Amino acid sequence: MPMYETLCILHPELPDARVKELSSWMQKILEGASGTAIQVDVWGMRDLTYTLRKQRRGYYVRLEYESPPAALKELERNLRINEHVLRYLSTVYTAPPAPPQAAASVPSTPAPSAAPAGDEAEQQ
């Protein structure tokens, strides 16, 4: 199953208990559609760059999960309907690249030197 990441901006006037309730609601939607939540991050209240639905602030909730594409569609459908969600964005999650490993040091042997083309003519 592919991994996805969804970032939601929730209405700023929600109490903290309601924000946690909405994040668990999103997890239940995924689990009901045979997906599994890997990580849920509540980033808290942040300022928005521009106003969304007349709001200048919002609660940010990041959800990382593994699910079939149908579960993603179901989650987005429910987020679209919910009046407390100002905006959301879902992307296919790709893990950060692993740091490059040091190449094993192999002792190098010098390549046999080839005689220049001019020297062959002199040897004949």
PDB file of N, CA and C in Angstrom:
ATOM      1  N   MET A   1       0.844  -1.183   0.000  1.00  0.00           N
ATOM      2  CA  MET A   1       0.000   0.000   0.000  1.00  0.00           C
ATOM      3  C   MET A   1       0.887   1.243   0.000  1.00  0.00           C
ATOM      4  N   PRO A   2       0.464   2.263  -0.735  1.00  0.00           N
ATOM      5  CA  PRO A   2       1.248   3.496  -0.752  1.00  0.00           C
ATOM      6  C   PRO A   2       1.108   4.273   0.552  1.00  0.00           C
ATOM      7  N   MET A   3       2.094   5.101   0.814  1.00  0.00           N
ATOM      8  CA  MET A   3       2.071   5.951   2.004  1.00  0.00           C
ATOM      9  C   MET A   3       1.662   7.359   1.581  1.00  0.00           C
ATOM     10  N   TYR A   4       0.857   7.991   2.419  1.00  0.00           N
ATOM     11  CA  TYR A   4       0.372   9.341   2.137  1.00  0.00           C
ATOM     12  C   TYR A   4       0.640  10.240   3.333  1.00  0.00           C
ATOM     13  N   GLU A   5       0.587  11.532   3.052  1.00  0.00           N
ATOM     14  CA  GLU A   5       0.718  12.535   4.100  1.00  0.00           C
ATOM     15  C   GLU A   5      -0.361  13.581   3.841  1.00  0.00           C
ATOM     16  N   THR A   6      -1.126  13.921   4.866  1.00  0.00           N
ATOM     17  CA  THR A   6      -2.178  14.922   4.741  1.00  0.00           C
ATOM     18  C   THR A   6      -1.959  15.982   5.804  1.00  0.00           C
ATOM     19  N   LEU A   7      -1.988  17.228   5.382  1.00  0.00           N
ATOM     20  CA  LEU A   7      -1.856  18.359   6.293  1.00  0.00           C
ATOM     21  C   LEU A   7      -3.176  19.104   6.281  1.00  0.00           C
ATOM     22  N   CYS A   8      -3.775  19.283   7.452  1.00  0.00           N
ATOM     23  CA  CYS A   8      -5.066  19.961   7.572  1.00  0.00           C
ATOM     24  C   CYS A   8      -4.891  21.239   8.379  1.00  0.00           C
ATOM     25  N   ILE A   9      -5.628  22.255   7.986  1.00  0.00           N
ATOM     26  CA  ILE A   9      -5.703  23.488   8.772  1.00  0.00           C
ATOM     27  C   ILE A   9      -7.127  23.562   9.303  1.00  0.00           C
ATOM     28  N   LEU A  10      -7.238  23.550  10.621  1.00  0.00           N
ATOM     29  CA  LEU A  10      -8.543  23.552  11.286  1.00  0.00           C
ATOM     30  C   LEU A  10      -8.875  24.940  11.795  1.00  0.00           C
ATOM     31  N   HIS A  11     -10.158  25.177  12.021  1.00  0.00           N
ATOM     32  CA  HIS A  11     -10.655  26.482  12.471  1.00  0.00           C
ATOM     33  C   HIS A  11      -9.980  26.879  13.785  1.00  0.00           C
ATOM     34  N   PRO A  12      -9.564  28.145  13.923  1.00  0.00           N
ATOM     35  CA  PRO A  12      -8.812  28.555  15.121  1.00  0.00           C
ATOM     36  C   PRO A  12      -9.640  28.651  16.397  1.00  0.00           C
ATOM     37  N   GLU A  13     -10.940  28.728  16.307  1.00  0.00           N
ATOM     38  CA  GLU A  13     -11.764  28.876  17.503  1.00  0.00           C
ATOM     39  C   GLU A  13     -12.128  27.549  18.151  1.00  0.00           C
ATOM     40  N   LEU A  14     -11.604  26.446  17.616  1.00  0.00           N
ATOM     41  CA  LEU A  14     -11.882  25.138  18.209  1.00  0.00           C
ATOM     42  C   LEU A  14     -11.080  24.969  19.498  1.00  0.00           C
ATOM     43  N   PRO A  15     -11.688  24.382  20.515  1.00  0.00           N
ATOM     44  CA  PRO A  15     -10.910  24.081  21.725  1.00  0.00           C
ATOM     45  C   PRO A  15      -9.923  22.935  21.444  1.00  0.00           C
ATOM     46  N   ASP A  16      -8.890  22.833  22.258  1.00  0.00           N
ATOM     47  CA  ASP A  16      -7.862  21.799  22.059  1.00  0.00           C
ATOM     48  C   ASP A  16      -8.458  20.392  22.076  1.00  0.00           C
ATOM     49  N   ALA A  17      -9.444  20.169  22.925  1.00  0.00           N
ATOM     50  CA  ALA A  17     -10.071  18.845  22.992  1.00  0.00           C
ATOM     51  C   ALA A  17     -10.749  18.498  21.661  1.00  0.00           C
ATOM     52  N   ARG A  18     -11.359  19.474  21.028  1.00  0.00           N
ATOM     53  CA  ARG A  18     -12.036  19.236  19.751  1.00  0.00           C
ATOM     54  C   ARG A  18     -11.013  18.972  18.638  1.00  0.00           C
ATOM     55  N   VAL A  19      -9.848  19.618  18.697  1.00  0.00           N
ATOM     56  CA  VAL A  19      -8.799  19.381  17.701  1.00  0.00           C
ATOM     57  C   VAL A  19      -8.302  17.942  17.809  1.00  0.00           C
ATOM     58  N   LYS A  20      -8.088  17.466  19.025  1.00  0.00           N
ATOM     59  CA  LYS A  20      -7.663  16.075  19.224  1.00  0.00           C
ATOM     60  C   LYS A  20      -8.757  15.110  18.777  1.00  0.00           C
ATOM     61  N   GLU A  21      -9.996  15.483  19.018  1.00  0.00           N
ATOM     62  CA  GLU A  21     -11.119  14.648  18.601  1.00  0.00           C
ATOM     63  C   GLU A  21     -11.183  14.550  17.071  1.00  0.00           C
ATOM     64  N   LEU A  22     -10.948  15.659  16.381  1.00  0.00           N
ATOM     65  CA  LEU A  22     -10.949  15.639  14.916  1.00  0.00           C
ATOM     66  C   LEU A  22      -9.780  14.829  14.355  1.00  0.00           C
ATOM     67  N   SER A  23      -8.626  14.885  15.015  1.00  0.00           N
ATOM     68  CA  SER A  23      -7.489  14.089  14.536  1.00  0.00           C
ATOM     69  C   SER A  23      -7.757  12.596  14.730  1.00  0.00           C
ATOM     70  N   SER A  24      -8.407  12.223  15.827  1.00  0.00           N
ATOM     71  CA  SER A  24      -8.758  10.812  16.005  1.00  0.00           C
ATOM     72  C   SER A  24      -9.883  10.408  15.052  1.00  0.00           C
ATOM     73  N   TRP A  25     -10.772  11.342  14.710  1.00  0.00           N
ATOM     74  CA  TRP A  25     -11.819  11.088  13.719  1.00  0.00           C
ATOM     75  C   TRP A  25     -11.200  10.767  12.355  1.00  0.00           C
ATOM     76  N   MET A  26     -10.144  11.501  11.984  1.00  0.00           N
ATOM     77  CA  MET A  26      -9.461  11.224  10.717  1.00  0.00           C
ATOM     78  C   MET A  26      -8.815   9.836  10.737  1.00  0.00           C
ATOM     79  N   GLN A  27      -8.249   9.459  11.871  1.00  0.00           N
ATOM     80  CA  GLN A  27      -7.647   8.130  11.993  1.00  0.00           C
ATOM     81  C   GLN A  27      -8.706   7.037  11.846  1.00  0.00           C
ATOM     82  N   LYS A  28      -9.879   7.244  12.446  1.00  0.00           N
ATOM     83  CA  LYS A  28     -10.948   6.243  12.357  1.00  0.00           C
ATOM     84  C   LYS A  28     -11.435   6.084  10.922  1.00  0.00           C
ATOM     85  N   ILE A  29     -11.477   7.164  10.171  1.00  0.00           N
ATOM     86  CA  ILE A  29     -11.878   7.076   8.757  1.00  0.00           C
ATOM     87  C   ILE A  29     -10.897   6.194   8.002  1.00  0.00           C
ATOM     88  N   LEU A  30      -9.607   6.386   8.264  1.00  0.00           N
ATOM     89  CA  LEU A  30      -8.587   5.587   7.572  1.00  0.00           C
ATOM     90  C   LEU A  30      -8.662   4.120   7.979  1.00  0.00           C
ATOM     91  N   GLU A  31      -8.814   3.866   9.276  1.00  0.00           N
ATOM     92  CA  GLU A  31      -8.874   2.486   9.748  1.00  0.00           C
ATOM     93  C   GLU A  31     -10.126   1.781   9.236  1.00  0.00           C
ATOM     94  N   GLY A  32     -11.217   2.519   9.051  1.00  0.00           N
ATOM     95  CA  GLY A  32     -12.433   1.940   8.511  1.00  0.00           C
ATOM     96  C   GLY A  32     -12.290   1.554   7.044  1.00  0.00           C
ATOM     97  N   ALA A  33     -11.345   2.182   6.356  1.00  0.00           N
ATOM     98  CA  ALA A  33     -11.112   1.886   4.945  1.00  0.00           C
ATOM     99  C   ALA A  33      -9.838   1.063   4.768  1.00  0.00           C
ATOM    100  N   SER A  34      -9.474   0.285   5.761  1.00  0.00           N
ATOM    101  CA  SER A  34      -8.302  -0.612   5.780  1.00  0.00           C
ATOM    102  C   SER A  34      -6.970   0.111   5.616  1.00  0.00           C
ATOM    103  N   GLY A  35      -6.867   1.282   6.205  1.00  0.00           N
ATOM    104  CA  GLY A  35      -5.597   2.002   6.241  1.00  0.00           C
ATOM    105  C   GLY A  35      -5.065   2.028   7.663  1.00  0.00           C
ATOM    106  N   THR A  36      -3.803   2.390   7.812  1.00  0.00           N
ATOM    107  CA  THR A  36      -3.216   2.493   9.152  1.00  0.00           C
ATOM    108  C   THR A  36      -2.495   3.826   9.289  1.00  0.00           C
ATOM    109  N   ALA A  37      -2.774   4.520  10.376  1.00  0.00           N
ATOM    110  CA  ALA A  37      -2.099   5.787  10.662  1.00  0.00           C
ATOM    111  C   ALA A  37      -0.728   5.482  11.254  1.00  0.00           C
ATOM    112  N   ILE A  38       0.286   6.064  10.688  1.00  0.00           N
ATOM    113  CA  ILE A  38       1.641   5.834  11.166  1.00  0.00           C
ATOM    114  C   ILE A  38       2.037   6.894  12.177  1.00  0.00           C
ATOM    115  N   GLN A  39       1.702   8.149  11.873  1.00  0.00           N
ATOM    116  CA  GLN A  39       2.088   9.231  12.770  1.00  0.00           C
ATOM    117  C   GLN A  39       1.073  10.362  12.658  1.00  0.00           C
ATOM    118  N   VAL A  40       0.709  10.941  13.796  1.00  0.00           N
ATOM    119  CA  VAL A  40      -0.190  12.091  13.839  1.00  0.00           C
ATOM    120  C   VAL A  40       0.524  13.190  14.616  1.00  0.00           C
ATOM    121  N   ASP A  41       0.727  14.328  13.970  1.00  0.00           N
ATOM    122  CA  ASP A  41       1.381  15.472  14.609  1.00  0.00           C
ATOM    123  C   ASP A  41       0.390  16.620  14.685  1.00  0.00           C
ATOM    124  N   VAL A  42       0.153  17.114  15.881  1.00  0.00           N
ATOM    125  CA  VAL A  42      -0.648  18.322  16.046  1.00  0.00           C
ATOM    126  C   VAL A  42       0.342  19.457  16.248  1.00  0.00           C
ATOM    127  N   TRP A  43       0.468  20.313  15.244  1.00  0.00           N
ATOM    128  CA  TRP A  43       1.453  21.393  15.290  1.00  0.00           C
ATOM    129  C   TRP A  43       0.973  22.574  16.107  1.00  0.00           C
ATOM    130  N   GLY A  44      -0.321  22.648  16.349  1.00  0.00           N
ATOM    131  CA  GLY A  44      -0.859  23.739  17.146  1.00  0.00           C
ATOM    132  C   GLY A  44      -1.275  24.929  16.292  1.00  0.00           C
ATOM    133  N   MET A  45      -1.527  26.032  16.963  1.00  0.00           N
ATOM    134  CA  MET A  45      -2.007  27.245  16.303  1.00  0.00           C
ATOM    135  C   MET A  45      -0.845  27.966  15.627  1.00  0.00           C
ATOM    136  N   ARG A  46      -1.064  28.349  14.376  1.00  0.00           N
ATOM    137  CA  ARG A  46      -0.053  29.086  13.611  1.00  0.00           C
ATOM    138  C   ARG A  46      -0.741  30.184  12.802  1.00  0.00           C
ATOM    139  N   ASP A  47       0.036  31.211  12.495  1.00  0.00           N
ATOM    140  CA  ASP A  47      -0.472  32.276  11.636  1.00  0.00           C
ATOM    141  C   ASP A  47      -0.503  31.800  10.196  1.00  0.00           C
ATOM    142  N   LEU A  48      -1.513  32.249   9.464  1.00  0.00           N
ATOM    143  CA  LEU A  48      -1.630  31.920   8.052  1.00  0.00           C
ATOM    144  C   LEU A  48      -1.010  33.047   7.224  1.00  0.00           C
ATOM    145  N   THR A  49      -0.513  32.709   6.054  1.00  0.00           N
ATOM    146  CA  THR A  49       0.077  33.716   5.175  1.00  0.00           C
ATOM    147  C   THR A  49      -0.996  34.651   4.645  1.00  0.00           C
ATOM    148  N   TYR A  50      -2.154  34.127   4.352  1.00  0.00           N
ATOM    149  CA  TYR A  50      -3.282  34.924   3.892  1.00  0.00           C
ATOM    150  C   TYR A  50      -4.547  34.369   4.535  1.00  0.00           C
ATOM    151  N   THR A  51      -5.606  35.125   4.476  1.00  0.00           N
ATOM    152  CA  THR A  51      -6.827  34.713   5.159  1.00  0.00           C
ATOM    153  C   THR A  51      -7.519  33.562   4.417  1.00  0.00           C
ATOM    154  N   LEU A  52      -8.028  32.618   5.197  1.00  0.00           N
ATOM    155  CA  LEU A  52      -8.832  31.506   4.693  1.00  0.00           C
ATOM    156  C   LEU A  52     -10.167  31.571   5.407  1.00  0.00           C
ATOM    157  N   ARG A  53     -11.238  31.735   4.664  1.00  0.00           N
ATOM    158  CA  ARG A  53     -12.578  31.836   5.247  1.00  0.00           C
ATOM    159  C   ARG A  53     -12.618  32.863   6.381  1.00  0.00           C
ATOM    160  N   LYS A  54     -12.021  34.006   6.129  1.00  0.00           N
ATOM    161  CA  LYS A  54     -11.969  35.145   7.054  1.00  0.00           C
ATOM    162  C   LYS A  54     -11.174  34.858   8.332  1.00  0.00           C
ATOM    163  N   GLN A  55     -10.276  33.901   8.297  1.00  0.00           N
ATOM    164  CA  GLN A  55      -9.457  33.552   9.467  1.00  0.00           C
ATOM    165  C   GLN A  55      -7.990  33.831   9.159  1.00  0.00           C
ATOM    166  N   ARG A  56      -7.273  34.360  10.130  1.00  0.00           N
ATOM    167  CA  ARG A  56      -5.847  34.651   9.968  1.00  0.00           C
ATOM    168  C   ARG A  56      -4.946  33.618  10.662  1.00  0.00           C
ATOM    169  N   ARG A  57      -5.566  32.745  11.463  1.00  0.00           N
ATOM    170  CA  ARG A  57      -4.822  31.709  12.178  1.00  0.00           C
ATOM    171  C   ARG A  57      -5.516  30.384  11.976  1.00  0.00           C
ATOM    172  N   GLY A  58      -4.830  29.286  12.328  1.00  0.00           N
ATOM    173  CA  GLY A  58      -5.449  27.976  12.225  1.00  0.00           C
ATOM    174  C   GLY A  58      -4.626  26.915  12.938  1.00  0.00           C
ATOM    175  N   TYR A  59      -5.284  25.844  13.331  1.00  0.00           N
ATOM    176  CA  TYR A  59      -4.600  24.690  13.928  1.00  0.00           C
ATOM    177  C   TYR A  59      -4.093  23.801  12.800  1.00  0.00           C
ATOM    178  N   TYR A  60      -2.846  23.434  12.868  1.00  0.00           N
ATOM    179  CA  TYR A  60      -2.257  22.547  11.868  1.00  0.00           C
ATOM    180  C   TYR A  60      -2.188  21.125  12.418  1.00  0.00           C
ATOM    181  N   VAL A  61      -2.660  20.170  11.633  1.00  0.00           N
ATOM    182  CA  VAL A  61      -2.607  18.751  11.995  1.00  0.00           C
ATOM    183  C   VAL A  61      -2.018  18.003  10.803  1.00  0.00           C
ATOM    184  N   ARG A  62      -0.954  17.250  11.045  1.00  0.00           N
ATOM    185  CA  ARG A  62      -0.288  16.473   9.992  1.00  0.00           C
ATOM    186  C   ARG A  62      -0.515  14.996  10.270  1.00  0.00           C
ATOM    187  N   LEU A  63      -0.965  14.275   9.249  1.00  0.00           N
ATOM    188  CA  LEU A  63      -1.281  12.862   9.369  1.00  0.00           C
ATOM    189  C   LEU A  63      -0.474  12.095   8.329  1.00  0.00           C
ATOM    190  N   GLU A  64       0.303  11.132   8.798  1.00  0.00           N
ATOM    191  CA  GLU A  64       1.098  10.268   7.912  1.00  0.00           C
ATOM    192  C   GLU A  64       0.508   8.871   8.036  1.00  0.00           C
ATOM    193  N   TYR A  65       0.172   8.260   6.894  1.00  0.00           N
ATOM    194  CA  TYR A  65      -0.539   6.986   6.949  1.00  0.00           C
ATOM    195  C   TYR A  65      -0.266   6.143   5.711  1.00  0.00           C
ATOM    196  N   GLU A  66      -0.626   4.866   5.848  1.00  0.00           N
ATOM    197  CA  GLU A  66      -0.494   3.897   4.777  1.00  0.00           C
ATOM    198  C   GLU A  66      -1.899   3.386   4.484  1.00  0.00           C
ATOM    199  N   SER A  67      -2.332   3.508   3.230  1.00  0.00           N
ATOM    200  CA  SER A  67      -3.706   3.108   2.917  1.00  0.00           C
ATOM    201  C   SER A  67      -3.866   2.896   1.419  1.00  0.00           C
ATOM    202  N   PRO A  68      -4.933   2.208   1.033  1.00  0.00           N
ATOM    203  CA  PRO A  68      -5.246   2.100  -0.392  1.00  0.00           C
ATOM    204  C   PRO A  68      -5.758   3.453  -0.893  1.00  0.00           C
ATOM    205  N   PRO A  69      -5.690   3.705  -2.188  1.00  0.00           N
ATOM    206  CA  PRO A  69      -6.150   4.998  -2.721  1.00  0.00           C
ATOM    207  C   PRO A  69      -7.618   5.304  -2.413  1.00  0.00           C
ATOM    208  N   ALA A  70      -8.450   4.289  -2.279  1.00  0.00           N
ATOM    209  CA  ALA A  70      -9.857   4.518  -1.956  1.00  0.00           C
ATOM    210  C   ALA A  70     -10.012   5.155  -0.576  1.00  0.00           C
ATOM    211  N   ALA A  71      -9.141   4.799   0.363  1.00  0.00           N
ATOM    212  CA  ALA A  71      -9.208   5.384   1.709  1.00  0.00           C
ATOM    213  C   ALA A  71      -8.843   6.868   1.657  1.00  0.00           C
ATOM    214  N   LEU A  72      -7.888   7.225   0.808  1.00  0.00           N
ATOM    215  CA  LEU A  72      -7.513   8.631   0.646  1.00  0.00           C
ATOM    216  C   LEU A  72      -8.699   9.427   0.110  1.00  0.00           C
ATOM    217  N   LYS A  73      -9.391   8.883  -0.874  1.00  0.00           N
ATOM    218  CA  LYS A  73     -10.562   9.572  -1.426  1.00  0.00           C
ATOM    219  C   LYS A  73     -11.646   9.749  -0.372  1.00  0.00           C
ATOM    220  N   GLU A  74     -11.840   8.733   0.465  1.00  0.00           N
ATOM    221  CA  GLU A  74     -12.852   8.817   1.518  1.00  0.00           C
ATOM    222  C   GLU A  74     -12.465   9.877   2.557  1.00  0.00           C
ATOM    223  N   LEU A  75     -11.195   9.916   2.929  1.00  0.00           N
ATOM    224  CA  LEU A  75     -10.731  10.923   3.892  1.00  0.00           C
ATOM    225  C   LEU A  75     -10.915  12.321   3.319  1.00  0.00           C
ATOM    226  N   GLU A  76     -10.508  12.530   2.079  1.00  0.00           N
ATOM    227  CA  GLU A  76     -10.639  13.856   1.468  1.00  0.00           C
ATOM    228  C   GLU A  76     -12.109  14.256   1.316  1.00  0.00           C
ATOM    229  N   ARG A  77     -12.972  13.303   1.023  1.00  0.00           N
ATOM    230  CA  ARG A  77     -14.397  13.602   0.914  1.00  0.00           C
ATOM    231  C   ARG A  77     -14.934  14.108   2.252  1.00  0.00           C
ATOM    232  N   ASN A  78     -14.543  13.443   3.342  1.00  0.00           N
ATOM    233  CA  ASN A  78     -14.996  13.859   4.671  1.00  0.00           C
ATOM    234  C   ASN A  78     -14.384  15.196   5.088  1.00  0.00           C
ATOM    235  N   LEU A  79     -13.146  15.448   4.718  1.00  0.00           N
ATOM    236  CA  LEU A  79     -12.528  16.730   5.048  1.00  0.00           C
ATOM    237  C   LEU A  79     -13.205  17.870   4.292  1.00  0.00           C
ATOM    238  N   ARG A  80     -13.599  17.603   3.059  1.00  0.00           N
ATOM    239  CA  ARG A  80     -14.268  18.608   2.247  1.00  0.00           C
ATOM    240  C   ARG A  80     -15.618  18.991   2.851  1.00  0.00           C
ATOM    241  N   ILE A  81     -16.306  18.013   3.446  1.00  0.00           N
ATOM    242  CA  ILE A  81     -17.634  18.238   4.015  1.00  0.00           C
ATOM    243  C   ILE A  81     -17.561  18.944   5.371  1.00  0.00           C
ATOM    244  N   ASN A  82     -16.528  18.643   6.157  1.00  0.00           N
ATOM    245  CA  ASN A  82     -16.437  19.140   7.531  1.00  0.00           C
ATOM    246  C   ASN A  82     -16.261  20.658   7.546  1.00  0.00           C
ATOM    247  N   GLU A  83     -17.094  21.355   8.305  1.00  0.00           N
ATOM    248  CA  GLU A  83     -17.046  22.809   8.355  1.00  0.00           C
ATOM    249  C   GLU A  83     -15.880  23.346   9.182  1.00  0.00           C
ATOM    250  N   HIS A  84     -15.259  22.510   9.999  1.00  0.00           N
ATOM    251  CA  HIS A  84     -14.138  22.957  10.825  1.00  0.00           C
ATOM    252  C   HIS A  84     -12.803  22.908  10.089  1.00  0.00           C
ATOM    253  N   VAL A  85     -12.762  22.289   8.928  1.00  0.00           N
ATOM    254  CA  VAL A  85     -11.521  22.185   8.149  1.00  0.00           C
ATOM    255  C   VAL A  85     -11.472  23.369   7.186  1.00  0.00           C
ATOM    256  N   LEU A  86     -10.453  24.223   7.368  1.00  0.00           N
ATOM    257  CA  LEU A  86     -10.291  25.371   6.482  1.00  0.00           C
ATOM    258  C   LEU A  86      -9.651  24.965   5.161  1.00  0.00           C
ATOM    259  N   ARG A  87      -8.639  24.118   5.244  1.00  0.00           N
ATOM    260  CA  ARG A  87      -7.908  23.688   4.039  1.00  0.00           C
ATOM    261  C   ARG A  87      -7.189  22.399   4.352  1.00  0.00           C
ATOM    262  N   TYR A  88      -6.935  21.586   3.331  1.00  0.00           N
ATOM    263  CA  TYR A  88      -6.160  20.357   3.496  1.00  0.00           C
ATOM    264  C   TYR A  88      -5.362  20.116   2.225  1.00  0.00           C
ATOM    265  N   LEU A  89      -4.307  19.337   2.358  1.00  0.00           N
ATOM    266  CA  LEU A  89      -3.476  18.953   1.220  1.00  0.00           C
ATOM    267  C   LEU A  89      -2.955  17.551   1.476  1.00  0.00           C
ATOM    268  N   SER A  90      -3.168  16.665   0.504  1.00  0.00           N
ATOM    269  CA  SER A  90      -2.688  15.285   0.611  1.00  0.00           C
ATOM    270  C   SER A  90      -1.646  15.043  -0.470  1.00  0.00           C
ATOM    271  N   THR A  91      -0.569  14.381  -0.087  1.00  0.00           N
ATOM    272  CA  THR A  91       0.486  14.045  -1.037  1.00  0.00           C
ATOM    273  C   THR A  91       0.934  12.607  -0.810  1.00  0.00           C
ATOM    274  N   VAL A  92       1.529  12.040  -1.841  1.00  0.00           N
ATOM    275  CA  VAL A  92       2.135  10.717  -1.692  1.00  0.00           C
ATOM    276  C   VAL A  92       3.427  10.934  -0.919  1.00  0.00           C
ATOM    277  N   TYR A  93       3.579  10.199   0.158  1.00  0.00           N
ATOM    278  CA  TYR A  93       4.730  10.382   1.048  1.00  0.00           C
ATOM    279  C   TYR A  93       5.908   9.569   0.543  1.00  0.00           C
ATOM    280  N   THR A  94       7.020  10.230   0.382  1.00  0.00           N
ATOM    281  CA  THR A  94       8.269   9.540   0.063  1.00  0.00           C
ATOM    282  C   THR A  94       9.229   9.818   1.204  1.00  0.00           C
ATOM    283  N   ALA A  95       9.841   8.784   1.689  1.00  0.00           N
ATOM    284  CA  ALA A  95      10.762   8.923   2.818  1.00  0.00           C
ATOM    285  C   ALA A  95      11.964   9.755   2.377  1.00  0.00           C
ATOM    286  N   PRO A  96      12.548  10.516   3.286  1.00  0.00           N
ATOM    287  CA  PRO A  96      13.736  11.285   2.924  1.00  0.00           C
ATOM    288  C   PRO A  96      14.860  10.349   2.501  1.00  0.00           C
ATOM    289  N   PRO A  97      15.679  10.788   1.553  1.00  0.00           N
ATOM    290  CA  PRO A  97      16.744   9.902   1.082  1.00  0.00           C
ATOM    291  C   PRO A  97      17.750   9.586   2.189  1.00  0.00           C
ATOM    292  N   ALA A  98      18.277   8.379   2.132  1.00  0.00           N
ATOM    293  CA  ALA A  98      19.270   7.959   3.120  1.00  0.00           C
ATOM    294  C   ALA A  98      20.577   8.702   2.843  1.00  0.00           C
ATOM    295  N   PRO A  99      21.334   9.000   3.891  1.00  0.00           N
ATOM    296  CA  PRO A  99      22.612   9.684   3.668  1.00  0.00           C
ATOM    297  C   PRO A  99      23.548   8.778   2.877  1.00  0.00           C
ATOM    298  N   PRO A 100      24.382   9.366   2.031  1.00  0.00           N
ATOM    299  CA  PRO A 100      25.277   8.540   1.220  1.00  0.00           C
ATOM    300  C   PRO A 100      26.262   7.773   2.092  1.00  0.00           C
ATOM    301  N   GLN A 101      26.463   6.526   1.748  1.00  0.00           N
ATOM    302  CA  GLN A 101      27.382   5.673   2.496  1.00  0.00           C
ATOM    303  C   GLN A 101      28.780   5.851   1.917  1.00  0.00           C
ATOM    304  N   ALA A 102      29.769   5.776   2.772  1.00  0.00           N
ATOM    305  CA  ALA A 102      31.150   5.887   2.312  1.00  0.00           C
ATOM    306  C   ALA A 102      31.490   4.620   1.527  1.00  0.00           C
ATOM    307  N   ALA A 103      32.091   4.809   0.378  1.00  0.00           N
ATOM    308  CA  ALA A 103      32.468   3.663  -0.463  1.00  0.00           C
ATOM    309  C   ALA A 103      33.585   2.886   0.228  1.00  0.00           C
ATOM    310  N   ALA A 104      33.506   1.570   0.120  1.00  0.00           N
ATOM    311  CA  ALA A 104      34.540   0.731   0.722  1.00  0.00           C
ATOM    312  C   ALA A 104      35.856   1.006   0.007  1.00  0.00           C
ATOM    313  N   SER A 105      36.889   1.210   0.784  1.00  0.00           N
ATOM    314  CA  SER A 105      38.177   1.539   0.163  1.00  0.00           C
ATOM    315  C   SER A 105      38.789   0.269  -0.422  1.00  0.00           C
ATOM    316  N   VAL A 106      38.931   0.260  -1.713  1.00  0.00           N
ATOM    317  CA  VAL A 106      39.527  -0.852  -2.439  1.00  0.00           C
ATOM    318  C   VAL A 106      40.895  -0.392  -2.895  1.00  0.00           C
ATOM    319  N   PRO A 107      41.932  -1.146  -2.547  1.00  0.00           N
ATOM    320  CA  PRO A 107      43.256  -0.688  -2.984  1.00  0.00           C
ATOM    321  C   PRO A 107      43.318  -0.691  -4.514  1.00  0.00           C
ATOM    322  N   SER A 108      43.705   0.424  -5.032  1.00  0.00           N
ATOM    323  CA  SER A 108      43.754   0.529  -6.490  1.00  0.00           C
ATOM    324  C   SER A 108      45.158   0.183  -6.980  1.00  0.00           C
ATOM    325  N   THR A 109      45.200  -0.553  -8.055  1.00  0.00           N
ATOM    326  CA  THR A 109      46.485  -0.889  -8.675  1.00  0.00           C
ATOM    327  C   THR A 109      46.638  -0.022  -9.899  1.00  0.00           C
ATOM    328  N   PRO A 110      47.829   0.449 -10.153  1.00  0.00           N
ATOM    329  CA  PRO A 110      48.009   1.314 -11.314  1.00  0.00           C
ATOM    330  C   PRO A 110      47.757   0.518 -12.598  1.00  0.00           C
ATOM    331  N   ALA A 111      47.146   1.167 -13.534  1.00  0.00           N
ATOM    332  CA  ALA A 111      46.854   0.533 -14.815  1.00  0.00           C
ATOM    333  C   ALA A 111      48.159   0.352 -15.586  1.00  0.00           C
ATOM    334  N   PRO A 112      48.289  -0.752 -16.345  1.00  0.00           N
ATOM    335  CA  PRO A 112      49.518  -0.920 -17.123  1.00  0.00           C
ATOM    336  C   PRO A 112      49.638   0.215 -18.122  1.00  0.00           C
ATOM    337  N   SER A 113      50.824   0.764 -18.181  1.00  0.00           N
ATOM    338  CA  SER A 113      51.013   1.909 -19.073  1.00  0.00           C
ATOM    339  C   SER A 113      51.206   1.421 -20.502  1.00  0.00           C
ATOM    340  N   ALA A 114      50.544   2.069 -21.373  1.00  0.00           N
ATOM    341  CA  ALA A 114      50.650   1.730 -22.786  1.00  0.00           C
ATOM    342  C   ALA A 114      51.722   2.601 -23.418  1.00  0.00           C
ATOM    343  N   ALA A 115      52.469   2.019 -24.313  1.00  0.00           N
ATOM    344  CA  ALA A 115      53.521   2.774 -24.978  1.00  0.00           C
ATOM    345  C   ALA A 115      52.893   3.712 -26.003  1.00  0.00           C
ATOM    346  N   PRO A 116      53.417   4.899 -26.143  1.00  0.00           N
ATOM    347  CA  PRO A 116      52.879   5.824 -27.117  1.00  0.00           C
ATOM    348  C   PRO A 116      53.019   5.267 -28.531  1.00  0.00           C
ATOM    349  N   ALA A 117      52.219   5.716 -29.443  1.00  0.00           N
ATOM    350  CA  ALA A 117      52.188   5.194 -30.815  1.00  0.00           C
ATOM    351  C   ALA A 117      53.509   5.427 -31.528  1.00  0.00           C
ATOM    352  N   GLY A 118      54.212   6.479 -31.223  1.00  0.00           N
ATOM    353  CA  GLY A 118      55.472   6.769 -31.885  1.00  0.00           C
ATOM    354  C   GLY A 118      56.558   5.767 -31.518  1.00  0.00           C
ATOM    355  N   ASP A 119      56.513   5.168 -30.339  1.00  0.00           N
ATOM    356  CA  ASP A 119      57.535   4.243 -29.901  1.00  0.00           C
ATOM    357  C   ASP A 119      57.442   2.906 -30.622  1.00  0.00           C
ATOM    358  N   GLU A 120      56.242   2.484 -31.038  1.00  0.00           N
ATOM    359  CA  GLU A 120      56.083   1.210 -31.726  1.00  0.00           C
ATOM    360  C   GLU A 120      56.830   1.223 -33.071  1.00  0.00           C
ATOM    361  N   ALA A 121      56.773   2.335 -33.741  1.00  0.00           N
ATOM    362  CA  ALA A 121      57.435   2.420 -35.074  1.00  0.00           C
ATOM    363  C   ALA A 121      58.951   2.310 -34.920  1.00  0.00           C
ATOM    364  N   GLU A 122      59.470   2.854 -33.844  1.00  0.00           N
ATOM    365  CA  GLU A 122      60.908   2.804 -33.648  1.00  0.00           C
ATOM    366  C   GLU A 122      61.388   1.400 -33.302  1.00  0.00           C
ATOM    367  N   GLN A 123      60.546   0.580 -32.636  1.00  0.00           N
ATOM    368  CA  GLN A 123      60.967  -0.745 -32.221  1.00  0.00           C
ATOM    369  C   GLN A 123      61.014  -1.711 -33.399  1.00  0.00           C
ATOM    370  N   GLN A 124      60.365  -1.487 -34.475  1.00  0.00           N
ATOM    371  CA  GLN A 124      60.340  -2.440 -35.593  1.00  0.00           C
ATOM    372  C   GLN A 124      61.502  -2.290 -36.467  1.00  0.00           C
TER     373      GLN A 124
END
